[in-house]
């Protein structure tokens, strides 16, 4: 389960990072999603320890709280453009929240002992 989820989300975060090339601040968001992708691929390879993934989750949660808009106007997924700065900040906080949720799940799955295969 850990390997499957980490591979799927690792590839998804690579895709998220690629979509940021036309963002007004790609130098911020490409590394954010890139670090999440690297952490997922580390979990896939069995190199990420649970405490590392939990620490990443804490950082992503803190960033999401910091990024949360002063007035929540929704995410408006039906529109591609940015109607207001509050919507853009909510979308960015949502992306950070997705990163945090994945890191938490991978931390829990990495903490569970893996069966020995012969």
PDB file of N, CA and C in Angstrom:
ATOM      1  N   UNK A   1       0.823  -1.191   0.000  1.00  0.00           N
ATOM      2  CA  UNK A   1       0.000   0.000   0.000  1.00  0.00           C
ATOM      3  C   UNK A   1       0.872   1.261   0.000  1.00  0.00           C
ATOM      4  N   UNK A   2       1.930   1.267   0.839  1.00  0.00           N
ATOM      5  CA  UNK A   2       2.817   2.430   0.923  1.00  0.00           C
ATOM      6  C   UNK A   2       3.486   2.691  -0.416  1.00  0.00           C
ATOM      7  N   UNK A   3       3.969   1.634  -1.056  1.00  0.00           N
ATOM      8  CA  UNK A   3       4.678   1.790  -2.326  1.00  0.00           C
ATOM      9  C   UNK A   3       3.743   2.320  -3.407  1.00  0.00           C
ATOM     10  N   UNK A   4       2.538   1.808  -3.457  1.00  0.00           N
ATOM     11  CA  UNK A   4       1.582   2.248  -4.470  1.00  0.00           C
ATOM     12  C   UNK A   4       1.223   3.712  -4.282  1.00  0.00           C
ATOM     13  N   UNK A   5       0.855   4.089  -3.057  1.00  0.00           N
ATOM     14  CA  UNK A   5       0.480   5.479  -2.789  1.00  0.00           C
ATOM     15  C   UNK A   5       1.642   6.438  -3.009  1.00  0.00           C
ATOM     16  N   UNK A   6       2.824   6.049  -2.567  1.00  0.00           N
ATOM     17  CA  UNK A   6       3.967   6.949  -2.714  1.00  0.00           C
ATOM     18  C   UNK A   6       4.327   7.136  -4.184  1.00  0.00           C
ATOM     19  N   UNK A   7       4.200   6.102  -4.993  1.00  0.00           N
ATOM     20  CA  UNK A   7       4.490   6.242  -6.419  1.00  0.00           C
ATOM     21  C   UNK A   7       3.442   7.114  -7.109  1.00  0.00           C
ATOM     22  N   UNK A   8       2.178   6.866  -6.815  1.00  0.00           N
ATOM     23  CA  UNK A   8       1.103   7.661  -7.436  1.00  0.00           C
ATOM     24  C   UNK A   8       1.245   9.134  -7.065  1.00  0.00           C
ATOM     25  N   UNK A   9       1.403   9.413  -5.774  1.00  0.00           N
ATOM     26  CA  UNK A   9       1.498  10.809  -5.359  1.00  0.00           C
ATOM     27  C   UNK A   9       2.825  11.440  -5.758  1.00  0.00           C
ATOM     28  N   UNK A  10       3.893  10.665  -5.809  1.00  0.00           N
ATOM     29  CA  UNK A  10       5.163  11.202  -6.294  1.00  0.00           C
ATOM     30  C   UNK A  10       5.040  11.698  -7.727  1.00  0.00           C
ATOM     31  N   UNK A  11       4.416  10.880  -8.577  1.00  0.00           N
ATOM     32  CA  UNK A  11       4.215  11.291  -9.971  1.00  0.00           C
ATOM     33  C   UNK A  11       3.227  12.455 -10.076  1.00  0.00           C
ATOM     34  N   UNK A  12       2.217  12.446  -9.223  1.00  0.00           N
ATOM     35  CA  UNK A  12       1.244  13.537  -9.221  1.00  0.00           C
ATOM     36  C   UNK A  12       1.897  14.856  -8.809  1.00  0.00           C
ATOM     37  N   UNK A  13       2.777  14.826  -7.816  1.00  0.00           N
ATOM     38  CA  UNK A  13       3.470  16.049  -7.399  1.00  0.00           C
ATOM     39  C   UNK A  13       4.449  16.535  -8.464  1.00  0.00           C
ATOM     40  N   UNK A  14       5.040  15.629  -9.222  1.00  0.00           N
ATOM     41  CA  UNK A  14       5.865  16.049 -10.360  1.00  0.00           C
ATOM     42  C   UNK A  14       4.989  16.795 -11.372  1.00  0.00           C
ATOM     43  N   UNK A  15       3.794  16.277 -11.607  1.00  0.00           N
ATOM     44  CA  UNK A  15       2.853  16.937 -12.506  1.00  0.00           C
ATOM     45  C   UNK A  15       2.428  18.297 -11.955  1.00  0.00           C
ATOM     46  N   UNK A  16       2.157  18.378 -10.652  1.00  0.00           N
ATOM     47  CA  UNK A  16       1.819  19.660 -10.017  1.00  0.00           C
ATOM     48  C   UNK A  16       2.946  20.672 -10.221  1.00  0.00           C
ATOM     49  N   UNK A  17       4.177  20.226 -10.031  1.00  0.00           N
ATOM     50  CA  UNK A  17       5.327  21.122 -10.206  1.00  0.00           C
ATOM     51  C   UNK A  17       5.414  21.591 -11.656  1.00  0.00           C
ATOM     52  N   UNK A  18       5.157  20.700 -12.596  1.00  0.00           N
ATOM     53  CA  UNK A  18       5.224  21.074 -14.013  1.00  0.00           C
ATOM     54  C   UNK A  18       4.156  22.104 -14.372  1.00  0.00           C
ATOM     55  N   UNK A  19       2.998  22.019 -13.746  1.00  0.00           N
ATOM     56  CA  UNK A  19       1.932  22.987 -14.027  1.00  0.00           C
ATOM     57  C   UNK A  19       2.257  24.385 -13.514  1.00  0.00           C
ATOM     58  N   UNK A  20       3.248  24.516 -12.668  1.00  0.00           N
ATOM     59  CA  UNK A  20       3.583  25.810 -12.072  1.00  0.00           C
ATOM     60  C   UNK A  20       4.470  26.676 -12.967  1.00  0.00           C
ATOM     61  N   UNK A  21       4.868  26.172 -14.118  1.00  0.00           N
ATOM     62  CA  UNK A  21       5.804  26.938 -14.957  1.00  0.00           C
ATOM     63  C   UNK A  21       5.227  28.274 -15.402  1.00  0.00           C
ATOM     64  N   UNK A  22       3.914  28.383 -15.550  1.00  0.00           N
ATOM     65  CA  UNK A  22       3.316  29.658 -15.970  1.00  0.00           C
ATOM     66  C   UNK A  22       2.692  30.430 -14.809  1.00  0.00           C
ATOM     67  N   UNK A  23       2.974  30.012 -13.593  1.00  0.00           N
ATOM     68  CA  UNK A  23       2.480  30.697 -12.398  1.00  0.00           C
ATOM     69  C   UNK A  23       3.263  32.001 -12.216  1.00  0.00           C
ATOM     70  N   UNK A  24       2.666  33.010 -11.604  1.00  0.00           N
ATOM     71  CA  UNK A  24       3.411  34.265 -11.369  1.00  0.00           C
ATOM     72  C   UNK A  24       4.650  34.082 -10.491  1.00  0.00           C
ATOM     73  N   UNK A  25       4.665  33.063  -9.634  1.00  0.00           N
ATOM     74  CA  UNK A  25       5.826  32.826  -8.771  1.00  0.00           C
ATOM     75  C   UNK A  25       6.251  31.354  -8.812  1.00  0.00           C
ATOM     76  N   UNK A  26       6.719  30.881  -9.977  1.00  0.00           N
ATOM     77  CA  UNK A  26       7.086  29.464 -10.084  1.00  0.00           C
ATOM     78  C   UNK A  26       8.304  29.095  -9.235  1.00  0.00           C
ATOM     79  N   UNK A  27       9.157  30.071  -8.935  1.00  0.00           N
ATOM     80  CA  UNK A  27      10.347  29.772  -8.128  1.00  0.00           C
ATOM     81  C   UNK A  27       9.981  29.378  -6.698  1.00  0.00           C
ATOM     82  N   UNK A  28       8.754  29.659  -6.294  1.00  0.00           N
ATOM     83  CA  UNK A  28       8.273  29.252  -4.966  1.00  0.00           C
ATOM     84  C   UNK A  28       7.587  27.895  -5.047  1.00  0.00           C
ATOM     85  N   UNK A  29       6.698  27.725  -6.016  1.00  0.00           N
ATOM     86  CA  UNK A  29       5.814  26.562  -6.040  1.00  0.00           C
ATOM     87  C   UNK A  29       6.425  25.328  -6.672  1.00  0.00           C
ATOM     88  N   UNK A  30       7.332  25.475  -7.616  1.00  0.00           N
ATOM     89  CA  UNK A  30       7.979  24.291  -8.187  1.00  0.00           C
ATOM     90  C   UNK A  30       8.791  23.552  -7.121  1.00  0.00           C
ATOM     91  N   UNK A  31       9.606  24.244  -6.302  1.00  0.00           N
ATOM     92  CA  UNK A  31      10.302  23.502  -5.230  1.00  0.00           C
ATOM     93  C   UNK A  31       9.363  22.918  -4.176  1.00  0.00           C
ATOM     94  N   UNK A  32       8.264  23.603  -3.873  1.00  0.00           N
ATOM     95  CA  UNK A  32       7.324  23.085  -2.870  1.00  0.00           C
ATOM     96  C   UNK A  32       6.785  21.732  -3.313  1.00  0.00           C
ATOM     97  N   UNK A  33       6.311  21.654  -4.561  1.00  0.00           N
ATOM     98  CA  UNK A  33       5.792  20.385  -5.065  1.00  0.00           C
ATOM     99  C   UNK A  33       6.929  19.416  -5.395  1.00  0.00           C
ATOM    100  N   UNK A  34       8.087  19.949  -5.763  1.00  0.00           N
ATOM    101  CA  UNK A  34       9.239  19.094  -6.046  1.00  0.00           C
ATOM    102  C   UNK A  34       9.723  18.365  -4.804  1.00  0.00           C
ATOM    103  N   UNK A  35       9.777  19.070  -3.668  1.00  0.00           N
ATOM    104  CA  UNK A  35      10.184  18.422  -2.415  1.00  0.00           C
ATOM    105  C   UNK A  35       9.176  17.341  -2.014  1.00  0.00           C
ATOM    106  N   UNK A  36       7.895  17.605  -2.246  1.00  0.00           N
ATOM    107  CA  UNK A  36       6.881  16.588  -1.936  1.00  0.00           C
ATOM    108  C   UNK A  36       7.075  15.368  -2.831  1.00  0.00           C
ATOM    109  N   UNK A  37       7.384  15.591  -4.103  1.00  0.00           N
ATOM    110  CA  UNK A  37       7.620  14.474  -5.024  1.00  0.00           C
ATOM    111  C   UNK A  37       8.841  13.666  -4.591  1.00  0.00           C
ATOM    112  N   UNK A  38       9.910  14.341  -4.216  1.00  0.00           N
ATOM    113  CA  UNK A  38      11.125  13.650  -3.771  1.00  0.00           C
ATOM    114  C   UNK A  38      10.834  12.844  -2.497  1.00  0.00           C
ATOM    115  N   UNK A  39      10.091  13.415  -1.567  1.00  0.00           N
ATOM    116  CA  UNK A  39       9.754  12.697  -0.333  1.00  0.00           C
ATOM    117  C   UNK A  39       8.924  11.447  -0.644  1.00  0.00           C
ATOM    118  N   UNK A  40       7.991  11.564  -1.578  1.00  0.00           N
ATOM    119  CA  UNK A  40       7.187  10.398  -1.964  1.00  0.00           C
ATOM    120  C   UNK A  40       8.049   9.321  -2.607  1.00  0.00           C
ATOM    121  N   UNK A  41       8.952   9.727  -3.476  1.00  0.00           N
ATOM    122  CA  UNK A  41       9.824   8.741  -4.125  1.00  0.00           C
ATOM    123  C   UNK A  41      10.815   8.128  -3.133  1.00  0.00           C
ATOM    124  N   UNK A  42      11.212   8.907  -2.123  1.00  0.00           N
ATOM    125  CA  UNK A  42      12.037   8.337  -1.046  1.00  0.00           C
ATOM    126  C   UNK A  42      11.239   7.293  -0.265  1.00  0.00           C
ATOM    127  N   UNK A  43       9.963   7.588  -0.008  1.00  0.00           N
ATOM    128  CA  UNK A  43       9.111   6.623   0.693  1.00  0.00           C
ATOM    129  C   UNK A  43       8.919   5.371  -0.159  1.00  0.00           C
ATOM    130  N   UNK A  44       8.796   5.550  -1.456  1.00  0.00           N
ATOM    131  CA  UNK A  44       8.666   4.408  -2.361  1.00  0.00           C
ATOM    132  C   UNK A  44       9.895   3.504  -2.269  1.00  0.00           C
ATOM    133  N   UNK A  45      11.068   4.124  -2.239  1.00  0.00           N
ATOM    134  CA  UNK A  45      12.319   3.368  -2.188  1.00  0.00           C
ATOM    135  C   UNK A  45      12.641   2.867  -0.787  1.00  0.00           C
ATOM    136  N   UNK A  46      11.859   3.262   0.214  1.00  0.00           N
ATOM    137  CA  UNK A  46      12.111   2.841   1.588  1.00  0.00           C
ATOM    138  C   UNK A  46      13.199   3.652   2.273  1.00  0.00           C
ATOM    139  N   UNK A  47      13.537   4.813   1.731  1.00  0.00           N
ATOM    140  CA  UNK A  47      14.591   5.654   2.295  1.00  0.00           C
ATOM    141  C   UNK A  47      14.074   6.702   3.272  1.00  0.00           C
ATOM    142  N   UNK A  48      12.790   6.997   3.235  1.00  0.00           N
ATOM    143  CA  UNK A  48      12.212   8.037   4.097  1.00  0.00           C
ATOM    144  C   UNK A  48      11.761   7.416   5.417  1.00  0.00           C
ATOM    145  N   UNK A  49      12.204   7.983   6.494  1.00  0.00           N
ATOM    146  CA  UNK A  49      11.783   7.536   7.821  1.00  0.00           C
ATOM    147  C   UNK A  49      10.487   8.249   8.188  1.00  0.00           C
ATOM    148  N   UNK A  50       9.730   7.662   9.102  1.00  0.00           N
ATOM    149  CA  UNK A  50       8.432   8.222   9.465  1.00  0.00           C
ATOM    150  C   UNK A  50       8.577   9.623  10.027  1.00  0.00           C
ATOM    151  N   UNK A  51       9.627   9.880  10.798  1.00  0.00           N
ATOM    152  CA  UNK A  51       9.795  11.189  11.432  1.00  0.00           C
ATOM    153  C   UNK A  51      10.140  12.255  10.393  1.00  0.00           C
ATOM    154  N   UNK A  52      10.818  11.875   9.330  1.00  0.00           N
ATOM    155  CA  UNK A  52      11.105  12.816   8.248  1.00  0.00           C
ATOM    156  C   UNK A  52       9.808  13.228   7.553  1.00  0.00           C
ATOM    157  N   UNK A  53       8.969  12.241   7.238  1.00  0.00           N
ATOM    158  CA  UNK A  53       7.693  12.521   6.580  1.00  0.00           C
ATOM    159  C   UNK A  53       6.768  13.319   7.500  1.00  0.00           C
ATOM    160  N   UNK A  54       6.781  13.009   8.790  1.00  0.00           N
ATOM    161  CA  UNK A  54       5.970  13.773   9.748  1.00  0.00           C
ATOM    162  C   UNK A  54       6.468  15.210   9.851  1.00  0.00           C
ATOM    163  N   UNK A  55       7.776  15.403   9.825  1.00  0.00           N
ATOM    164  CA  UNK A  55       8.335  16.758   9.836  1.00  0.00           C
ATOM    165  C   UNK A  55       7.947  17.537   8.590  1.00  0.00           C
ATOM    166  N   UNK A  56       7.964  16.865   7.441  1.00  0.00           N
ATOM    167  CA  UNK A  56       7.517  17.512   6.199  1.00  0.00           C
ATOM    168  C   UNK A  56       6.041  17.914   6.321  1.00  0.00           C
ATOM    169  N   UNK A  57       5.235  17.037   6.927  1.00  0.00           N
ATOM    170  CA  UNK A  57       3.809  17.340   7.102  1.00  0.00           C
ATOM    171  C   UNK A  57       3.622  18.571   7.977  1.00  0.00           C
ATOM    172  N   UNK A  58       4.391  18.669   9.048  1.00  0.00           N
ATOM    173  CA  UNK A  58       4.304  19.837   9.940  1.00  0.00           C
ATOM    174  C   UNK A  58       4.651  21.115   9.171  1.00  0.00           C
ATOM    175  N   UNK A  59       5.694  21.059   8.362  1.00  0.00           N
ATOM    176  CA  UNK A  59       6.080  22.236   7.569  1.00  0.00           C
ATOM    177  C   UNK A  59       4.992  22.619   6.577  1.00  0.00           C
ATOM    178  N   UNK A  60       4.400  21.633   5.912  1.00  0.00           N
ATOM    179  CA  UNK A  60       3.334  21.927   4.952  1.00  0.00           C
ATOM    180  C   UNK A  60       2.086  22.474   5.642  1.00  0.00           C
ATOM    181  N   UNK A  61       1.758  21.947   6.818  1.00  0.00           N
ATOM    182  CA  UNK A  61       0.603  22.477   7.565  1.00  0.00           C
ATOM    183  C   UNK A  61       0.865  23.923   7.976  1.00  0.00           C
ATOM    184  N   UNK A  62       2.058  24.202   8.480  1.00  0.00           N
ATOM    185  CA  UNK A  62       2.397  25.574   8.886  1.00  0.00           C
ATOM    186  C   UNK A  62       2.329  26.521   7.693  1.00  0.00           C
ATOM    187  N   UNK A  63       2.819  26.079   6.548  1.00  0.00           N
ATOM    188  CA  UNK A  63       2.770  26.921   5.350  1.00  0.00           C
ATOM    189  C   UNK A  63       1.336  27.131   4.886  1.00  0.00           C
ATOM    190  N   UNK A  64       0.491  26.098   4.992  1.00  0.00           N
ATOM    191  CA  UNK A  64      -0.912  26.225   4.586  1.00  0.00           C
ATOM    192  C   UNK A  64      -1.654  27.207   5.492  1.00  0.00           C
ATOM    193  N   UNK A  65      -1.383  27.148   6.791  1.00  0.00           N
ATOM    194  CA  UNK A  65      -2.019  28.084   7.726  1.00  0.00           C
ATOM    195  C   UNK A  65      -1.557  29.507   7.424  1.00  0.00           C
ATOM    196  N   UNK A  66      -0.276  29.672   7.160  1.00  0.00           N
ATOM    197  CA  UNK A  66       0.270  30.989   6.834  1.00  0.00           C
ATOM    198  C   UNK A  66      -0.323  31.520   5.524  1.00  0.00           C
ATOM    199  N   UNK A  67      -0.549  30.640   4.568  1.00  0.00           N
ATOM    200  CA  UNK A  67      -1.032  31.031   3.239  1.00  0.00           C
ATOM    201  C   UNK A  67      -2.542  31.245   3.197  1.00  0.00           C
ATOM    202  N   UNK A  68      -3.263  30.794   4.223  1.00  0.00           N
ATOM    203  CA  UNK A  68      -4.733  30.884   4.206  1.00  0.00           C
ATOM    204  C   UNK A  68      -5.162  32.340   4.016  1.00  0.00           C
ATOM    205  N   UNK A  69      -6.147  32.577   3.146  1.00  0.00           N
ATOM    206  CA  UNK A  69      -6.556  33.959   2.859  1.00  0.00           C
ATOM    207  C   UNK A  69      -7.268  34.617   4.039  1.00  0.00           C
ATOM    208  N   UNK A  70      -7.186  35.953   4.122  1.00  0.00           N
ATOM    209  CA  UNK A  70      -7.885  36.653   5.197  1.00  0.00           C
ATOM    210  C   UNK A  70      -9.403  36.502   5.105  1.00  0.00           C
ATOM    211  N   UNK A  71      -9.917  36.419   3.871  1.00  0.00           N
ATOM    212  CA  UNK A  71     -11.349  36.209   3.642  1.00  0.00           C
ATOM    213  C   UNK A  71     -11.480  35.039   2.672  1.00  0.00           C
ATOM    214  N   UNK A  72     -12.084  33.948   3.132  1.00  0.00           N
ATOM    215  CA  UNK A  72     -12.228  32.770   2.275  1.00  0.00           C
ATOM    216  C   UNK A  72     -13.391  32.974   1.326  1.00  0.00           C
ATOM    217  N   UNK A  73     -13.085  32.965   0.015  1.00  0.00           N
ATOM    218  CA  UNK A  73     -14.114  33.128  -1.020  1.00  0.00           C
ATOM    219  C   UNK A  73     -14.328  31.842  -1.808  1.00  0.00           C
ATOM    220  N   UNK A  74     -13.723  30.762  -1.367  1.00  0.00           N
ATOM    221  CA  UNK A  74     -13.848  29.490  -2.060  1.00  0.00           C
ATOM    222  C   UNK A  74     -12.655  29.224  -2.953  1.00  0.00           C
ATOM    223  N   UNK A  75     -12.762  28.118  -3.691  1.00  0.00           N
ATOM    224  CA  UNK A  75     -11.693  27.727  -4.601  1.00  0.00           C
ATOM    225  C   UNK A  75     -12.065  27.987  -6.061  1.00  0.00           C
ATOM    226  N   UNK A  76     -13.361  28.022  -6.363  1.00  0.00           N
ATOM    227  CA  UNK A  76     -13.885  28.246  -7.711  1.00  0.00           C
ATOM    228  C   UNK A  76     -13.162  27.425  -8.768  1.00  0.00           C
ATOM    229  N   UNK A  77     -13.359  26.102  -8.711  1.00  0.00           N
ATOM    230  CA  UNK A  77     -12.711  25.224  -9.674  1.00  0.00           C
ATOM    231  C   UNK A  77     -13.290  25.366 -11.080  1.00  0.00           C
ATOM    232  N   UNK A  78     -14.467  25.991 -11.208  1.00  0.00           N
ATOM    233  CA  UNK A  78     -15.068  26.149 -12.536  1.00  0.00           C
ATOM    234  C   UNK A  78     -14.355  27.213 -13.360  1.00  0.00           C
ATOM    235  N   UNK A  79     -13.541  28.025 -12.722  1.00  0.00           N
ATOM    236  CA  UNK A  79     -12.800  29.067 -13.424  1.00  0.00           C
ATOM    237  C   UNK A  79     -11.312  28.755 -13.402  1.00  0.00           C
ATOM    238  N   UNK A  80     -10.646  29.014 -14.518  1.00  0.00           N
ATOM    239  CA  UNK A  80      -9.214  28.777 -14.590  1.00  0.00           C
ATOM    240  C   UNK A  80      -8.454  29.994 -14.089  1.00  0.00           C
ATOM    241  N   UNK A  81      -8.927  31.164 -14.418  1.00  0.00           N
ATOM    242  CA  UNK A  81      -8.238  32.394 -14.046  1.00  0.00           C
ATOM    243  C   UNK A  81      -8.394  32.736 -12.575  1.00  0.00           C
ATOM    244  N   UNK A  82      -7.690  33.783 -12.188  1.00  0.00           N
ATOM    245  CA  UNK A  82      -7.734  34.231 -10.801  1.00  0.00           C
ATOM    246  C   UNK A  82      -8.691  35.419 -10.710  1.00  0.00           C
ATOM    247  N   UNK A  83      -9.854  35.207 -10.075  1.00  0.00           N
ATOM    248  CA  UNK A  83     -10.828  36.282  -9.940  1.00  0.00           C
ATOM    249  C   UNK A  83     -10.470  37.223  -8.807  1.00  0.00           C
ATOM    250  N   UNK A  84      -9.892  36.680  -7.738  1.00  0.00           N
ATOM    251  CA  UNK A  84      -9.453  37.522  -6.631  1.00  0.00           C
ATOM    252  C   UNK A  84      -8.246  36.884  -5.960  1.00  0.00           C
ATOM    253  N   UNK A  85      -7.518  37.685  -5.241  1.00  0.00           N
ATOM    254  CA  UNK A  85      -6.332  37.189  -4.549  1.00  0.00           C
ATOM    255  C   UNK A  85      -6.698  36.189  -3.461  1.00  0.00           C
ATOM    256  N   UNK A  86      -7.858  36.351  -2.830  1.00  0.00           N
ATOM    257  CA  UNK A  86      -8.291  35.419  -1.791  1.00  0.00           C
ATOM    258  C   UNK A  86      -8.506  34.017  -2.362  1.00  0.00           C
ATOM    259  N   UNK A  87      -9.046  33.929  -3.577  1.00  0.00           N
ATOM    260  CA  UNK A  87      -9.256  32.627  -4.205  1.00  0.00           C
ATOM    261  C   UNK A  87      -7.907  31.994  -4.532  1.00  0.00           C
ATOM    262  N   UNK A  88      -6.981  32.777  -5.048  1.00  0.00           N
ATOM    263  CA  UNK A  88      -5.650  32.254  -5.361  1.00  0.00           C
ATOM    264  C   UNK A  88      -4.939  31.773  -4.105  1.00  0.00           C
ATOM    265  N   UNK A  89      -5.040  32.526  -3.017  1.00  0.00           N
ATOM    266  CA  UNK A  89      -4.405  32.112  -1.755  1.00  0.00           C
ATOM    267  C   UNK A  89      -5.059  30.846  -1.210  1.00  0.00           C
ATOM    268  N   UNK A  90      -6.382  30.716  -1.368  1.00  0.00           N
ATOM    269  CA  UNK A  90      -7.072  29.505  -0.914  1.00  0.00           C
ATOM    270  C   UNK A  90      -6.612  28.302  -1.731  1.00  0.00           C
ATOM    271  N   UNK A  91      -6.433  28.481  -3.038  1.00  0.00           N
ATOM    272  CA  UNK A  91      -5.946  27.387  -3.883  1.00  0.00           C
ATOM    273  C   UNK A  91      -4.534  26.975  -3.466  1.00  0.00           C
ATOM    274  N   UNK A  92      -3.688  27.946  -3.195  1.00  0.00           N
ATOM    275  CA  UNK A  92      -2.320  27.640  -2.771  1.00  0.00           C
ATOM    276  C   UNK A  92      -2.310  26.935  -1.421  1.00  0.00           C
ATOM    277  N   UNK A  93      -3.145  27.399  -0.495  1.00  0.00           N
ATOM    278  CA  UNK A  93      -3.242  26.739   0.816  1.00  0.00           C
ATOM    279  C   UNK A  93      -3.783  25.318   0.657  1.00  0.00           C
ATOM    280  N   UNK A  94      -4.706  25.135  -0.271  1.00  0.00           N
ATOM    281  CA  UNK A  94      -5.235  23.802  -0.542  1.00  0.00           C
ATOM    282  C   UNK A  94      -4.163  22.860  -1.071  1.00  0.00           C
ATOM    283  N   UNK A  95      -3.316  23.356  -1.960  1.00  0.00           N
ATOM    284  CA  UNK A  95      -2.208  22.542  -2.467  1.00  0.00           C
ATOM    285  C   UNK A  95      -1.248  22.148  -1.364  1.00  0.00           C
ATOM    286  N   UNK A  96      -0.964  23.085  -0.475  1.00  0.00           N
ATOM    287  CA  UNK A  96      -0.101  22.775   0.675  1.00  0.00           C
ATOM    288  C   UNK A  96      -0.773  21.764   1.602  1.00  0.00           C
ATOM    289  N   UNK A  97      -2.091  21.875   1.726  1.00  0.00           N
ATOM    290  CA  UNK A  97      -2.841  20.916   2.542  1.00  0.00           C
ATOM    291  C   UNK A  97      -2.800  19.516   1.951  1.00  0.00           C
ATOM    292  N   UNK A  98      -2.860  19.420   0.627  1.00  0.00           N
ATOM    293  CA  UNK A  98      -2.748  18.117  -0.029  1.00  0.00           C
ATOM    294  C   UNK A  98      -1.377  17.514   0.253  1.00  0.00           C
ATOM    295  N   UNK A  99      -0.339  18.339   0.143  1.00  0.00           N
ATOM    296  CA  UNK A  99       1.015  17.865   0.442  1.00  0.00           C
ATOM    297  C   UNK A  99       1.098  17.359   1.878  1.00  0.00           C
ATOM    298  N   UNK A 100       0.525  18.114   2.811  1.00  0.00           N
ATOM    299  CA  UNK A 100       0.561  17.719   4.228  1.00  0.00           C
ATOM    300  C   UNK A 100      -0.180  16.406   4.447  1.00  0.00           C
ATOM    301  N   UNK A 101      -1.356  16.265   3.853  1.00  0.00           N
ATOM    302  CA  UNK A 101      -2.148  15.046   4.034  1.00  0.00           C
ATOM    303  C   UNK A 101      -1.401  13.816   3.508  1.00  0.00           C
ATOM    304  N   UNK A 102      -0.764  13.955   2.360  1.00  0.00           N
ATOM    305  CA  UNK A 102      -0.010  12.834   1.792  1.00  0.00           C
ATOM    306  C   UNK A 102       1.168  12.479   2.688  1.00  0.00           C
ATOM    307  N   UNK A 103       1.868  13.497   3.205  1.00  0.00           N
ATOM    308  CA  UNK A 103       3.006  13.223   4.083  1.00  0.00           C
ATOM    309  C   UNK A 103       2.562  12.520   5.362  1.00  0.00           C
ATOM    310  N   UNK A 104       1.408  12.894   5.902  1.00  0.00           N
ATOM    311  CA  UNK A 104       0.880  12.240   7.105  1.00  0.00           C
ATOM    312  C   UNK A 104       0.563  10.772   6.819  1.00  0.00           C
ATOM    313  N   UNK A 105      -0.112  10.518   5.705  1.00  0.00           N
ATOM    314  CA  UNK A 105      -0.458   9.136   5.347  1.00  0.00           C
ATOM    315  C   UNK A 105       0.807   8.303   5.157  1.00  0.00           C
ATOM    316  N   UNK A 106       1.784   8.849   4.441  1.00  0.00           N
ATOM    317  CA  UNK A 106       3.030   8.107   4.217  1.00  0.00           C
ATOM    318  C   UNK A 106       3.809   7.906   5.517  1.00  0.00           C
ATOM    319  N   UNK A 107       3.758   8.887   6.421  1.00  0.00           N
ATOM    320  CA  UNK A 107       4.429   8.727   7.717  1.00  0.00           C
ATOM    321  C   UNK A 107       3.801   7.581   8.505  1.00  0.00           C
ATOM    322  N   UNK A 108       2.482   7.518   8.513  1.00  0.00           N
ATOM    323  CA  UNK A 108       1.789   6.436   9.229  1.00  0.00           C
ATOM    324  C   UNK A 108       2.114   5.091   8.588  1.00  0.00           C
ATOM    325  N   UNK A 109       2.071   5.037   7.263  1.00  0.00           N
ATOM    326  CA  UNK A 109       2.363   3.771   6.584  1.00  0.00           C
ATOM    327  C   UNK A 109       3.828   3.366   6.726  1.00  0.00           C
ATOM    328  N   UNK A 110       4.722   4.330   6.824  1.00  0.00           N
ATOM    329  CA  UNK A 110       6.146   4.020   6.985  1.00  0.00           C
ATOM    330  C   UNK A 110       6.464   3.567   8.400  1.00  0.00           C
ATOM    331  N   UNK A 111       5.645   3.958   9.348  1.00  0.00           N
ATOM    332  CA  UNK A 111       5.868   3.577  10.750  1.00  0.00           C
ATOM    333  C   UNK A 111       5.477   2.128  10.998  1.00  0.00           C
ATOM    334  N   UNK A 112       4.559   1.617  10.206  1.00  0.00           N
ATOM    335  CA  UNK A 112       4.122   0.234  10.383  1.00  0.00           C
ATOM    336  C   UNK A 112       5.236  -0.707   9.936  1.00  0.00           C
ATOM    337  N   UNK A 113       5.473  -1.753  10.704  1.00  0.00           N
ATOM    338  CA  UNK A 113       6.522  -2.701  10.309  1.00  0.00           C
ATOM    339  C   UNK A 113       6.151  -3.396   9.001  1.00  0.00           C
ATOM    340  N   UNK A 114       7.128  -3.526   8.135  1.00  0.00           N
ATOM    341  CA  UNK A 114       6.931  -4.170   6.849  1.00  0.00           C
ATOM    342  C   UNK A 114       7.166  -5.676   6.988  1.00  0.00           C
ATOM    343  N   UNK A 115       6.325  -6.492   6.360  1.00  0.00           N
ATOM    344  CA  UNK A 115       6.543  -7.940   6.457  1.00  0.00           C
ATOM    345  C   UNK A 115       7.803  -8.344   5.700  1.00  0.00           C
ATOM    346  N   UNK A 116       8.478  -9.362   6.231  1.00  0.00           N
ATOM    347  CA  UNK A 116       9.697  -9.849   5.591  1.00  0.00           C
ATOM    348  C   UNK A 116       9.294 -10.841   4.507  1.00  0.00           C
ATOM    349  N   UNK A 117       9.776 -10.591   3.312  1.00  0.00           N
ATOM    350  CA  UNK A 117       9.476 -11.480   2.192  1.00  0.00           C
ATOM    351  C   UNK A 117      10.706 -12.327   1.880  1.00  0.00           C
ATOM    352  N   UNK A 118      10.472 -13.571   1.641  1.00  0.00           N
ATOM    353  CA  UNK A 118      11.588 -14.473   1.319  1.00  0.00           C
ATOM    354  C   UNK A 118      11.436 -15.044  -0.051  1.00  0.00           C
TER     355      UNK A 118
END
